[in-house]
C-alpha atoms as a PDB file:
ATOM      1  CA  UNK A   1      86.207 295.668  27.669  1.00  0.00           C
ATOM      2  CA  UNK A   2      84.480 296.838  30.837  1.00  0.00           C
ATOM      3  CA  UNK A   3      81.425 299.059  30.886  1.00  0.00           C
ATOM      4  CA  UNK A   4      83.369 302.162  31.934  1.00  0.00           C
ATOM      5  CA  UNK A   5      85.763 301.920  29.020  1.00  0.00           C
ATOM      6  CA  UNK A   6      82.851 301.186  26.647  1.00  0.00           C
ATOM      7  CA  UNK A   7      81.162 304.358  27.842  1.00  0.00           C
ATOM      8  CA  UNK A   8      84.405 306.348  27.463  1.00  0.00           C
ATOM      9  CA  UNK A   9      84.776 305.039  23.896  1.00  0.00           C
ATOM     10  CA  UNK A  10      81.164 305.959  23.110  1.00  0.00           C
ATOM     11  CA  UNK A  11      81.654 309.473  24.519  1.00  0.00           C
ATOM     12  CA  UNK A  12      84.799 309.993  22.432  1.00  0.00           C
ATOM     13  CA  UNK A  13      83.030 308.761  19.297  1.00  0.00           C
ATOM     14  CA  UNK A  14      80.003 311.011  19.860  1.00  0.00           C
ATOM     15  CA  UNK A  15      82.315 313.993  20.360  1.00  0.00           C
ATOM     16  CA  UNK A  16      84.252 313.093  17.197  1.00  0.00           C
ATOM     17  CA  UNK A  17      81.030 312.749  15.195  1.00  0.00           C
ATOM     18  CA  UNK A  18      79.780 316.148  16.345  1.00  0.00           C
ATOM     19  CA  UNK A  19      83.141 317.874  15.767  1.00  0.00           C
ATOM     20  CA  UNK A  20      83.532 316.369  12.298  1.00  0.00           C
ATOM     21  CA  UNK A  21      80.007 317.433  11.338  1.00  0.00           C
ATOM     22  CA  UNK A  22      80.667 321.045  12.289  1.00  0.00           C
ATOM     23  CA  UNK A  23      76.935 321.600  12.719  1.00  0.00           C
ATOM     24  CA  UNK A  24      74.164 320.423  15.035  1.00  0.00           C
ATOM     25  CA  UNK A  25      73.070 316.853  14.321  1.00  0.00           C
ATOM     26  CA  UNK A  26      69.772 315.154  15.058  1.00  0.00           C
ATOM     27  CA  UNK A  27      69.546 312.133  17.306  1.00  0.00           C
ATOM     28  CA  UNK A  28      68.866 310.005  14.220  1.00  0.00           C
ATOM     29  CA  UNK A  29      71.996 311.290  12.439  1.00  0.00           C
ATOM     30  CA  UNK A  30      74.174 310.532  15.469  1.00  0.00           C
ATOM     31  CA  UNK A  31      72.602 307.113  15.864  1.00  0.00           C
ATOM     32  CA  UNK A  32      73.225 306.267  12.198  1.00  0.00           C
ATOM     33  CA  UNK A  33      76.828 307.418  12.402  1.00  0.00           C
ATOM     34  CA  UNK A  34      77.545 305.441  15.580  1.00  0.00           C
ATOM     35  CA  UNK A  35      76.155 302.330  13.872  1.00  0.00           C
ATOM     36  CA  UNK A  36      78.444 302.916  10.866  1.00  0.00           C
ATOM     37  CA  UNK A  37      81.419 303.191  13.238  1.00  0.00           C
ATOM     38  CA  UNK A  38      80.292 300.064  15.127  1.00  0.00           C
ATOM     39  CA  UNK A  39      80.019 302.034  18.361  1.00  0.00           C
ATOM     40  CA  UNK A  40      77.339 301.017  20.806  1.00  0.00           C
ATOM     41  CA  UNK A  41      76.020 303.634  23.217  1.00  0.00           C
ATOM     42  CA  UNK A  42      75.649 302.209  26.735  1.00  0.00           C
ATOM     43  CA  UNK A  43      71.937 303.201  26.768  1.00  0.00           C
ATOM     44  CA  UNK A  44      69.431 304.115  24.108  1.00  0.00           C
ATOM     45  CA  UNK A  45      71.032 306.881  22.028  1.00  0.00           C
ATOM     46  CA  UNK A  46      68.640 309.595  23.211  1.00  0.00           C
ATOM     47  CA  UNK A  47      69.176 308.645  26.878  1.00  0.00           C
ATOM     48  CA  UNK A  48      72.959 308.578  26.444  1.00  0.00           C
ATOM     49  CA  UNK A  49      73.026 311.929  24.632  1.00  0.00           C
ATOM     50  CA  UNK A  50      70.791 313.523  27.256  1.00  0.00           C
ATOM     51  CA  UNK A  51      73.079 312.290  30.051  1.00  0.00           C
ATOM     52  CA  UNK A  52      76.042 313.851  28.234  1.00  0.00           C
ATOM     53  CA  UNK A  53      74.067 317.093  27.914  1.00  0.00           C
ATOM     54  CA  UNK A  54      73.239 317.096  31.615  1.00  0.00           C
ATOM     55  CA  UNK A  55      76.930 316.596  32.442  1.00  0.00           C
ATOM     56  CA  UNK A  56      77.886 319.512  30.162  1.00  0.00           C
ATOM     57  CA  UNK A  57      79.842 317.322  27.714  1.00  0.00           C
ATOM     58  CA  UNK A  58      77.638 318.289  24.751  1.00  0.00           C
ATOM     59  CA  UNK A  59      74.794 320.724  24.099  1.00  0.00           C
ATOM     60  CA  UNK A  60      71.312 319.802  23.026  1.00  0.00           C
ATOM     61  CA  UNK A  61      67.890 321.298  22.564  1.00  0.00           C
ATOM     62  CA  UNK A  62      64.550 320.415  21.088  1.00  0.00           C
ATOM     63  CA  UNK A  63      64.096 321.629  17.539  1.00  0.00           C
ATOM     64  CA  UNK A  64      60.697 322.287  16.002  1.00  0.00           C
ATOM     65  CA  UNK A  65      62.369 322.457  12.596  1.00  0.00           C
ATOM     66  CA  UNK A  66      63.761 318.916  12.918  1.00  0.00           C
ATOM     67  CA  UNK A  67      60.908 317.695  15.133  1.00  0.00           C
ATOM     68  CA  UNK A  68      63.257 316.266  17.736  1.00  0.00           C
ATOM     69  CA  UNK A  69      66.491 316.938  19.538  1.00  0.00           C
ATOM     70  CA  UNK A  70      69.617 318.410  17.951  1.00  0.00           C
ATOM     71  CA  UNK A  71      73.067 318.084  19.517  1.00  0.00           C
ATOM     72  CA  UNK A  72      76.357 319.967  19.145  1.00  0.00           C
ATOM     73  CA  UNK A  73      79.716 320.757  20.741  1.00  0.00           C
ATOM     74  CA  UNK A  74      81.431 324.133  21.072  1.00  0.00           C
END
Protein backbone atom coordinates (compact mmCIF):
# COMPACT_ATOMS: atom_id res chain seq x y z
CA UNK A 1 0.00 0.00 0.00
CA UNK A 2 1.49 3.35 -0.97
CA UNK A 3 1.71 6.32 1.34
CA UNK A 4 -1.16 8.18 -0.34
CA UNK A 5 -3.58 5.32 0.11
CA UNK A 6 -2.38 4.83 3.71
CA UNK A 7 -3.14 8.48 4.39
CA UNK A 8 -6.56 8.18 2.72
CA UNK A 9 -7.34 5.13 4.88
CA UNK A 10 -6.24 6.99 8.02
CA UNK A 11 -8.41 10.00 7.11
CA UNK A 12 -11.45 7.78 6.55
CA UNK A 13 -10.88 6.00 9.86
CA UNK A 14 -10.48 9.27 11.79
CA UNK A 15 -13.70 10.57 10.24
CA UNK A 16 -15.50 7.32 11.10
CA UNK A 17 -14.24 7.45 14.69
CA UNK A 18 -15.43 11.03 15.14
CA UNK A 19 -18.82 10.38 13.49
CA UNK A 20 -19.44 7.24 15.55
CA UNK A 21 -18.56 9.07 18.77
CA UNK A 22 -21.08 11.82 18.09
CA UNK A 23 -19.15 14.15 20.38
CA UNK A 24 -15.76 15.86 20.43
CA UNK A 25 -12.91 13.47 21.24
CA UNK A 26 -9.51 14.20 22.73
CA UNK A 27 -6.32 13.42 20.88
CA UNK A 28 -5.72 10.55 23.31
CA UNK A 29 -9.17 9.04 22.63
CA UNK A 30 -8.62 9.18 18.87
CA UNK A 31 -5.15 7.72 19.22
CA UNK A 32 -6.44 4.83 21.34
CA UNK A 33 -9.24 4.10 18.89
CA UNK A 34 -6.93 4.14 15.86
CA UNK A 35 -4.66 1.66 17.64
CA UNK A 36 -7.64 -0.63 18.34
CA UNK A 37 -8.56 -0.49 14.64
CA UNK A 38 -4.92 -1.12 13.64
CA UNK A 39 -4.80 2.16 11.74
CA UNK A 40 -1.52 4.02 11.66
CA UNK A 41 -1.60 7.77 11.14
CA UNK A 42 1.08 8.88 8.66
CA UNK A 43 2.53 11.29 11.28
CA UNK A 44 2.22 11.61 15.03
CA UNK A 45 -1.51 11.67 15.79
CA UNK A 46 -1.55 15.31 16.90
CA UNK A 47 0.34 16.42 13.77
CA UNK A 48 -1.97 14.40 11.50
CA UNK A 49 -5.12 15.72 13.19
CA UNK A 50 -3.86 19.30 13.01
CA UNK A 51 -3.15 18.93 9.28
CA UNK A 52 -6.71 17.67 8.78
CA UNK A 53 -7.99 20.66 10.76
CA UNK A 54 -5.97 23.08 8.65
CA UNK A 55 -7.40 21.50 5.48
CA UNK A 56 -10.95 21.84 6.85
CA UNK A 57 -11.55 18.07 7.02
CA UNK A 58 -12.20 18.13 10.78
CA UNK A 59 -12.55 20.77 13.49
CA UNK A 60 -10.35 21.13 16.51
CA UNK A 61 -9.62 23.48 19.35
CA UNK A 62 -7.69 23.58 22.58
CA UNK A 63 -9.77 22.68 25.61
CA UNK A 64 -8.92 23.85 29.11
CA UNK A 65 -11.42 21.33 30.46
CA UNK A 66 -9.59 18.39 28.84
CA UNK A 67 -6.17 20.06 29.02
CA UNK A 68 -5.43 19.42 25.36
CA UNK A 69 -7.01 19.40 21.94
CA UNK A 70 -10.51 18.13 21.16
CA UNK A 71 -11.61 17.19 17.64
CA UNK A 72 -14.98 16.80 15.91
CA UNK A 73 -16.81 16.70 12.58
CA UNK A 74 -20.03 18.46 11.60
